[in-house]
């Protein structure tokens, strides 16, 4: 095979073979334009080629992990804001941007009793709030004419207002006219309004079990 010398450098030369390939070869005192019947082709050592492959593989893995973190883990499992639910039991839900509950904690003694044994894992915020209101009813913390306050913090203002509105509607849809719901700026200064007695119709219309 013939090789045409295209460039020369102190340590190597660039040659063009008959197949149209540009190759690096050892510079055996070639001159540009010279032809050679044989050349000593220079190749990267195997270790360097393996290192390049390893770096490319690592970059692909890191990109995949980044996509997983920002695409799923962060919006679903990283705390974005909190929801404070006040009945008399006072509890706080830490929620993700996608409104999944990440953490549930009591802010007073009644709150600790309310959430004792309750498994919130894998649940969405509106479902947990609805469940806790039902537990408060069953445990006697909330009665007909009583009130529930919902305050959302963190995130951005649009996210706060939307979540407050959704939670307010969730409670009102279940207990229309029976429970007062205060959300956001409408939450009164006191923790709860004084509950009123529950009548027989209220007992008949609602399931007190979880």
C-alpha atoms as a PDB file:
ATOM      1  CA  UNK A   1       0.000   0.000   0.000  1.00  0.00           C
ATOM      2  CA  UNK A   2       1.213   3.467  -0.825  1.00  0.00           C
ATOM      3  CA  UNK A   3       1.138   6.359   1.644  1.00  0.00           C
ATOM      4  CA  UNK A   4       1.378  10.044   0.765  1.00  0.00           C
ATOM      5  CA  UNK A   5       3.015  12.265   3.356  1.00  0.00           C
ATOM      6  CA  UNK A   6       0.705  15.219   4.067  1.00  0.00           C
ATOM      7  CA  UNK A   7       2.298  16.795   7.164  1.00  0.00           C
ATOM      8  CA  UNK A   8       5.509  16.343   9.087  1.00  0.00           C
ATOM      9  CA  UNK A   9       6.197  17.004  12.756  1.00  0.00           C
ATOM     10  CA  UNK A  10       9.224  16.248  14.924  1.00  0.00           C
ATOM     11  CA  UNK A  11       7.704  13.062  16.350  1.00  0.00           C
ATOM     12  CA  UNK A  12       5.171  12.006  13.739  1.00  0.00           C
ATOM     13  CA  UNK A  13       3.849  12.514  10.252  1.00  0.00           C
ATOM     14  CA  UNK A  14       0.336  12.600   8.859  1.00  0.00           C
ATOM     15  CA  UNK A  15      -0.030  10.323   5.846  1.00  0.00           C
ATOM     16  CA  UNK A  16      -2.877   9.536   3.454  1.00  0.00           C
ATOM     17  CA  UNK A  17      -3.300   5.896   2.457  1.00  0.00           C
ATOM     18  CA  UNK A  18      -4.856   4.502  -0.718  1.00  0.00           C
ATOM     19  CA  UNK A  19      -8.214   4.059   1.073  1.00  0.00           C
ATOM     20  CA  UNK A  20      -8.435   7.787   1.783  1.00  0.00           C
ATOM     21  CA  UNK A  21      -7.633   7.472   5.499  1.00  0.00           C
ATOM     22  CA  UNK A  22      -5.452   9.969   7.336  1.00  0.00           C
ATOM     23  CA  UNK A  23      -3.073   8.199   9.685  1.00  0.00           C
ATOM     24  CA  UNK A  24      -0.430   9.211  12.156  1.00  0.00           C
ATOM     25  CA  UNK A  25       2.859   7.490  11.551  1.00  0.00           C
ATOM     26  CA  UNK A  26       6.335   7.673  12.995  1.00  0.00           C
ATOM     27  CA  UNK A  27       8.306  10.386  11.197  1.00  0.00           C
ATOM     28  CA  UNK A  28      11.147   8.529   9.543  1.00  0.00           C
ATOM     29  CA  UNK A  29      12.624  11.701   8.100  1.00  0.00           C
ATOM     30  CA  UNK A  30       9.749  12.108   5.673  1.00  0.00           C
ATOM     31  CA  UNK A  31       9.158  15.192   3.598  1.00  0.00           C
ATOM     32  CA  UNK A  32       5.749  16.570   2.600  1.00  0.00           C
ATOM     33  CA  UNK A  33       4.690  15.104  -0.761  1.00  0.00           C
ATOM     34  CA  UNK A  34       6.885  12.053  -0.377  1.00  0.00           C
ATOM     35  CA  UNK A  35       5.352   8.595  -0.885  1.00  0.00           C
ATOM     36  CA  UNK A  36       6.194   5.548   1.206  1.00  0.00           C
ATOM     37  CA  UNK A  37       5.469   1.864   0.764  1.00  0.00           C
ATOM     38  CA  UNK A  38       5.281   1.194   4.502  1.00  0.00           C
ATOM     39  CA  UNK A  39       4.754   3.318   7.578  1.00  0.00           C
ATOM     40  CA  UNK A  40       4.824   2.720  11.309  1.00  0.00           C
ATOM     41  CA  UNK A  41       1.321   3.736  12.378  1.00  0.00           C
ATOM     42  CA  UNK A  42       1.010   5.388  15.770  1.00  0.00           C
ATOM     43  CA  UNK A  43      -1.925   4.250  17.965  1.00  0.00           C
ATOM     44  CA  UNK A  44      -3.148   5.307  21.397  1.00  0.00           C
ATOM     45  CA  UNK A  45      -2.102   2.949  24.171  1.00  0.00           C
ATOM     46  CA  UNK A  46      -4.920   0.607  25.318  1.00  0.00           C
ATOM     47  CA  UNK A  47      -4.876   2.133  28.816  1.00  0.00           C
ATOM     48  CA  UNK A  48      -5.641   5.600  27.457  1.00  0.00           C
ATOM     49  CA  UNK A  49      -8.441   4.313  25.260  1.00  0.00           C
ATOM     50  CA  UNK A  50      -9.935   2.461  28.244  1.00  0.00           C
ATOM     51  CA  UNK A  51      -9.707   5.622  30.334  1.00  0.00           C
ATOM     52  CA  UNK A  52     -11.578   7.604  27.682  1.00  0.00           C
ATOM     53  CA  UNK A  53     -14.312   4.938  27.539  1.00  0.00           C
ATOM     54  CA  UNK A  54     -14.568   4.953  31.332  1.00  0.00           C
ATOM     55  CA  UNK A  55     -14.920   8.734  31.442  1.00  0.00           C
ATOM     56  CA  UNK A  56     -17.652   8.659  28.794  1.00  0.00           C
ATOM     57  CA  UNK A  57     -19.511   5.933  30.718  1.00  0.00           C
ATOM     58  CA  UNK A  58     -19.213   7.898  33.952  1.00  0.00           C
ATOM     59  CA  UNK A  59     -20.572  11.022  32.271  1.00  0.00           C
ATOM     60  CA  UNK A  60     -23.566   9.056  30.943  1.00  0.00           C
ATOM     61  CA  UNK A  61     -24.284   7.642  34.411  1.00  0.00           C
ATOM     62  CA  UNK A  62     -24.052  11.087  36.025  1.00  0.00           C
ATOM     63  CA  UNK A  63     -26.376  12.568  33.422  1.00  0.00           C
ATOM     64  CA  UNK A  64     -28.847   9.763  34.075  1.00  0.00           C
ATOM     65  CA  UNK A  65     -28.706  10.302  37.824  1.00  0.00           C
ATOM     66  CA  UNK A  66     -29.146  14.032  37.338  1.00  0.00           C
ATOM     67  CA  UNK A  67     -32.195  13.476  35.155  1.00  0.00           C
ATOM     68  CA  UNK A  68     -33.627  11.074  37.747  1.00  0.00           C
ATOM     69  CA  UNK A  69     -33.025  13.516  40.596  1.00  0.00           C
ATOM     70  CA  UNK A  70     -34.421  16.614  38.902  1.00  0.00           C
ATOM     71  CA  UNK A  71     -37.123  14.788  36.967  1.00  0.00           C
ATOM     72  CA  UNK A  72     -38.608  12.590  39.697  1.00  0.00           C
ATOM     73  CA  UNK A  73     -36.898  12.499  43.086  1.00  0.00           C
ATOM     74  CA  UNK A  74     -36.725  16.242  43.664  1.00  0.00           C
ATOM     75  CA  UNK A  75     -40.317  17.155  42.707  1.00  0.00           C
ATOM     76  CA  UNK A  76     -41.759  14.128  44.552  1.00  0.00           C
ATOM     77  CA  UNK A  77     -39.520  13.613  47.595  1.00  0.00           C
ATOM     78  CA  UNK A  78     -37.780  16.896  48.357  1.00  0.00           C
ATOM     79  CA  UNK A  79     -39.591  19.251  50.752  1.00  0.00           C
ATOM     80  CA  UNK A  80     -40.958  22.252  48.861  1.00  0.00           C
ATOM     81  CA  UNK A  81     -43.348  23.676  51.456  1.00  0.00           C
ATOM     82  CA  UNK A  82     -45.409  22.922  54.564  1.00  0.00           C
ATOM     83  CA  UNK A  83     -49.100  22.640  55.399  1.00  0.00           C
ATOM     84  CA  UNK A  84     -50.191  23.453  58.947  1.00  0.00           C
ATOM     85  CA  UNK A  85     -53.499  21.851  59.907  1.00  0.00           C
ATOM     86  CA  UNK A  86     -55.096  23.220  63.076  1.00  0.00           C
ATOM     87  CA  UNK A  87     -58.184  21.694  64.632  1.00  0.00           C
ATOM     88  CA  UNK A  88     -57.057  21.828  68.228  1.00  0.00           C
ATOM     89  CA  UNK A  89     -54.649  19.086  67.371  1.00  0.00           C
ATOM     90  CA  UNK A  90     -51.954  21.047  65.584  1.00  0.00           C
ATOM     91  CA  UNK A  91     -49.936  19.178  62.956  1.00  0.00           C
ATOM     92  CA  UNK A  92     -47.607  20.085  60.120  1.00  0.00           C
ATOM     93  CA  UNK A  93     -47.178  18.284  56.819  1.00  0.00           C
ATOM     94  CA  UNK A  94     -43.952  18.753  54.863  1.00  0.00           C
ATOM     95  CA  UNK A  95     -44.835  18.317  51.194  1.00  0.00           C
ATOM     96  CA  UNK A  96     -43.051  18.131  47.857  1.00  0.00           C
ATOM     97  CA  UNK A  97     -43.673  20.330  44.863  1.00  0.00           C
ATOM     98  CA  UNK A  98     -45.956  17.601  43.487  1.00  0.00           C
ATOM     99  CA  UNK A  99     -47.874  17.701  46.799  1.00  0.00           C
ATOM    100  CA  UNK A 100     -46.686  14.330  48.103  1.00  0.00           C
ATOM    101  CA  UNK A 101     -46.319  14.187  51.892  1.00  0.00           C
ATOM    102  CA  UNK A 102     -42.667  13.780  52.855  1.00  0.00           C
ATOM    103  CA  UNK A 103     -42.964  14.266  56.620  1.00  0.00           C
ATOM    104  CA  UNK A 104     -45.738  14.532  59.220  1.00  0.00           C
ATOM    105  CA  UNK A 105     -45.144  15.977  62.675  1.00  0.00           C
ATOM    106  CA  UNK A 106     -47.175  17.100  65.684  1.00  0.00           C
ATOM    107  CA  UNK A 107     -46.969  20.676  66.960  1.00  0.00           C
ATOM    108  CA  UNK A 108     -48.839  20.028  70.224  1.00  0.00           C
ATOM    109  CA  UNK A 109     -49.867  17.116  72.444  1.00  0.00           C
ATOM    110  CA  UNK A 110     -53.257  16.620  70.786  1.00  0.00           C
ATOM    111  CA  UNK A 111     -51.521  16.651  67.419  1.00  0.00           C
ATOM    112  CA  UNK A 112     -49.293  13.801  68.580  1.00  0.00           C
ATOM    113  CA  UNK A 113     -52.375  11.801  69.583  1.00  0.00           C
ATOM    114  CA  UNK A 114     -54.055  12.563  66.253  1.00  0.00           C
ATOM    115  CA  UNK A 115     -51.233  11.250  64.071  1.00  0.00           C
ATOM    116  CA  UNK A 116     -50.218   8.366  66.343  1.00  0.00           C
ATOM    117  CA  UNK A 117     -50.098   5.215  64.213  1.00  0.00           C
ATOM    118  CA  UNK A 118     -51.075   7.014  61.011  1.00  0.00           C
ATOM    119  CA  UNK A 119     -49.029   5.960  57.975  1.00  0.00           C
ATOM    120  CA  UNK A 120     -48.727   8.845  55.518  1.00  0.00           C
ATOM    121  CA  UNK A 121     -46.040   7.305  53.311  1.00  0.00           C
ATOM    122  CA  UNK A 122     -46.882   7.375  49.622  1.00  0.00           C
ATOM    123  CA  UNK A 123     -49.946   9.580  50.188  1.00  0.00           C
ATOM    124  CA  UNK A 124     -50.820  12.904  48.595  1.00  0.00           C
ATOM    125  CA  UNK A 125     -51.420  15.998  50.692  1.00  0.00           C
ATOM    126  CA  UNK A 126     -55.174  16.302  50.130  1.00  0.00           C
ATOM    127  CA  UNK A 127     -55.739  12.638  51.047  1.00  0.00           C
ATOM    128  CA  UNK A 128     -53.727  13.009  54.274  1.00  0.00           C
ATOM    129  CA  UNK A 129     -55.586  16.183  55.271  1.00  0.00           C
ATOM    130  CA  UNK A 130     -58.917  14.509  54.611  1.00  0.00           C
ATOM    131  CA  UNK A 131     -57.878  11.466  56.662  1.00  0.00           C
ATOM    132  CA  UNK A 132     -56.702  13.621  59.573  1.00  0.00           C
ATOM    133  CA  UNK A 133     -59.965  15.590  59.618  1.00  0.00           C
ATOM    134  CA  UNK A 134     -61.865  12.287  59.751  1.00  0.00           C
ATOM    135  CA  UNK A 135     -59.654  11.087  62.619  1.00  0.00           C
ATOM    136  CA  UNK A 136     -60.229  14.371  64.469  1.00  0.00           C
ATOM    137  CA  UNK A 137     -63.985  13.838  64.120  1.00  0.00           C
ATOM    138  CA  UNK A 138     -63.815  10.252  65.294  1.00  0.00           C
ATOM    139  CA  UNK A 139     -61.576  11.118  68.250  1.00  0.00           C
ATOM    140  CA  UNK A 140     -63.846  13.980  69.359  1.00  0.00           C
ATOM    141  CA  UNK A 141     -61.428  16.820  68.616  1.00  0.00           C
ATOM    142  CA  UNK A 142     -63.756  18.215  65.948  1.00  0.00           C
ATOM    143  CA  UNK A 143     -67.539  18.468  66.149  1.00  0.00           C
ATOM    144  CA  UNK A 144     -70.337  19.952  64.093  1.00  0.00           C
ATOM    145  CA  UNK A 145     -69.917  23.701  63.876  1.00  0.00           C
ATOM    146  CA  UNK A 146     -66.226  23.417  64.654  1.00  0.00           C
ATOM    147  CA  UNK A 147     -63.478  24.807  62.471  1.00  0.00           C
ATOM    148  CA  UNK A 148     -60.393  23.705  60.633  1.00  0.00           C
ATOM    149  CA  UNK A 149     -57.548  26.048  59.695  1.00  0.00           C
ATOM    150  CA  UNK A 150     -55.136  25.350  56.849  1.00  0.00           C
ATOM    151  CA  UNK A 151     -51.986  27.419  56.292  1.00  0.00           C
ATOM    152  CA  UNK A 152     -49.531  26.720  53.475  1.00  0.00           C
ATOM    153  CA  UNK A 153     -45.962  28.042  53.661  1.00  0.00           C
ATOM    154  CA  UNK A 154     -42.936  27.796  51.386  1.00  0.00           C
ATOM    155  CA  UNK A 155     -42.853  27.289  47.641  1.00  0.00           C
ATOM    156  CA  UNK A 156     -44.101  30.284  45.688  1.00  0.00           C
ATOM    157  CA  UNK A 157     -47.267  32.343  46.104  1.00  0.00           C
ATOM    158  CA  UNK A 158     -49.076  30.652  43.223  1.00  0.00           C
ATOM    159  CA  UNK A 159     -48.303  27.191  44.615  1.00  0.00           C
ATOM    160  CA  UNK A 160     -49.378  28.264  48.129  1.00  0.00           C
ATOM    161  CA  UNK A 161     -52.715  29.707  47.054  1.00  0.00           C
ATOM    162  CA  UNK A 162     -53.534  26.793  44.768  1.00  0.00           C
ATOM    163  CA  UNK A 163     -52.801  24.216  47.482  1.00  0.00           C
ATOM    164  CA  UNK A 164     -54.767  26.175  50.115  1.00  0.00           C
ATOM    165  CA  UNK A 165     -57.727  26.408  47.739  1.00  0.00           C
ATOM    166  CA  UNK A 166     -57.554  22.708  46.866  1.00  0.00           C
ATOM    167  CA  UNK A 167     -57.403  21.654  50.524  1.00  0.00           C
ATOM    168  CA  UNK A 168     -60.262  23.965  51.465  1.00  0.00           C
ATOM    169  CA  UNK A 169     -62.399  22.477  48.690  1.00  0.00           C
ATOM    170  CA  UNK A 170     -61.452  18.940  49.712  1.00  0.00           C
ATOM    171  CA  UNK A 171     -62.751  19.478  53.264  1.00  0.00           C
ATOM    172  CA  UNK A 172     -65.821  21.471  52.226  1.00  0.00           C
ATOM    173  CA  UNK A 173     -66.835  18.863  49.643  1.00  0.00           C
ATOM    174  CA  UNK A 174     -66.914  16.218  52.373  1.00  0.00           C
ATOM    175  CA  UNK A 175     -68.498  18.286  55.154  1.00  0.00           C
ATOM    176  CA  UNK A 176     -70.574  20.983  53.464  1.00  0.00           C
ATOM    177  CA  UNK A 177     -72.137  23.328  55.975  1.00  0.00           C
ATOM    178  CA  UNK A 178     -70.956  21.274  58.936  1.00  0.00           C
ATOM    179  CA  UNK A 179     -67.381  22.475  59.368  1.00  0.00           C
ATOM    180  CA  UNK A 180     -65.950  25.936  58.934  1.00  0.00           C
ATOM    181  CA  UNK A 181     -62.729  26.015  56.972  1.00  0.00           C
ATOM    182  CA  UNK A 182     -60.237  28.856  57.208  1.00  0.00           C
ATOM    183  CA  UNK A 183     -57.380  28.929  54.715  1.00  0.00           C
ATOM    184  CA  UNK A 184     -54.419  31.220  54.135  1.00  0.00           C
ATOM    185  CA  UNK A 185     -55.089  34.853  55.032  1.00  0.00           C
ATOM    186  CA  UNK A 186     -58.524  33.950  56.440  1.00  0.00           C
ATOM    187  CA  UNK A 187     -57.080  31.872  59.287  1.00  0.00           C
ATOM    188  CA  UNK A 188     -58.139  33.521  62.600  1.00  0.00           C
ATOM    189  CA  UNK A 189     -55.619  34.538  65.228  1.00  0.00           C
ATOM    190  CA  UNK A 190     -56.807  31.923  67.696  1.00  0.00           C
ATOM    191  CA  UNK A 191     -55.894  28.312  67.049  1.00  0.00           C
ATOM    192  CA  UNK A 192     -59.472  27.049  66.703  1.00  0.00           C
ATOM    193  CA  UNK A 193     -63.017  28.239  67.033  1.00  0.00           C
ATOM    194  CA  UNK A 194     -65.052  26.816  69.895  1.00  0.00           C
ATOM    195  CA  UNK A 195     -66.678  23.539  68.824  1.00  0.00           C
ATOM    196  CA  UNK A 196     -70.388  23.005  69.112  1.00  0.00           C
ATOM    197  CA  UNK A 197     -72.297  19.890  70.089  1.00  0.00           C
ATOM    198  CA  UNK A 198     -72.675  17.211  67.474  1.00  0.00           C
ATOM    199  CA  UNK A 199     -76.274  16.110  66.783  1.00  0.00           C
ATOM    200  CA  UNK A 200     -77.657  12.706  65.810  1.00  0.00           C
ATOM    201  CA  UNK A 201     -77.965  13.561  62.116  1.00  0.00           C
ATOM    202  CA  UNK A 202     -74.259  14.396  62.034  1.00  0.00           C
ATOM    203  CA  UNK A 203     -73.460  10.977  63.534  1.00  0.00           C
ATOM    204  CA  UNK A 204     -75.689   9.198  61.016  1.00  0.00           C
ATOM    205  CA  UNK A 205     -74.300  10.986  57.961  1.00  0.00           C
ATOM    206  CA  UNK A 206     -70.589  10.414  58.620  1.00  0.00           C
ATOM    207  CA  UNK A 207     -68.413   7.388  59.098  1.00  0.00           C
ATOM    208  CA  UNK A 208     -66.292   7.778  62.213  1.00  0.00           C
ATOM    209  CA  UNK A 209     -63.955   4.907  61.337  1.00  0.00           C
ATOM    210  CA  UNK A 210     -60.684   5.413  59.433  1.00  0.00           C
END
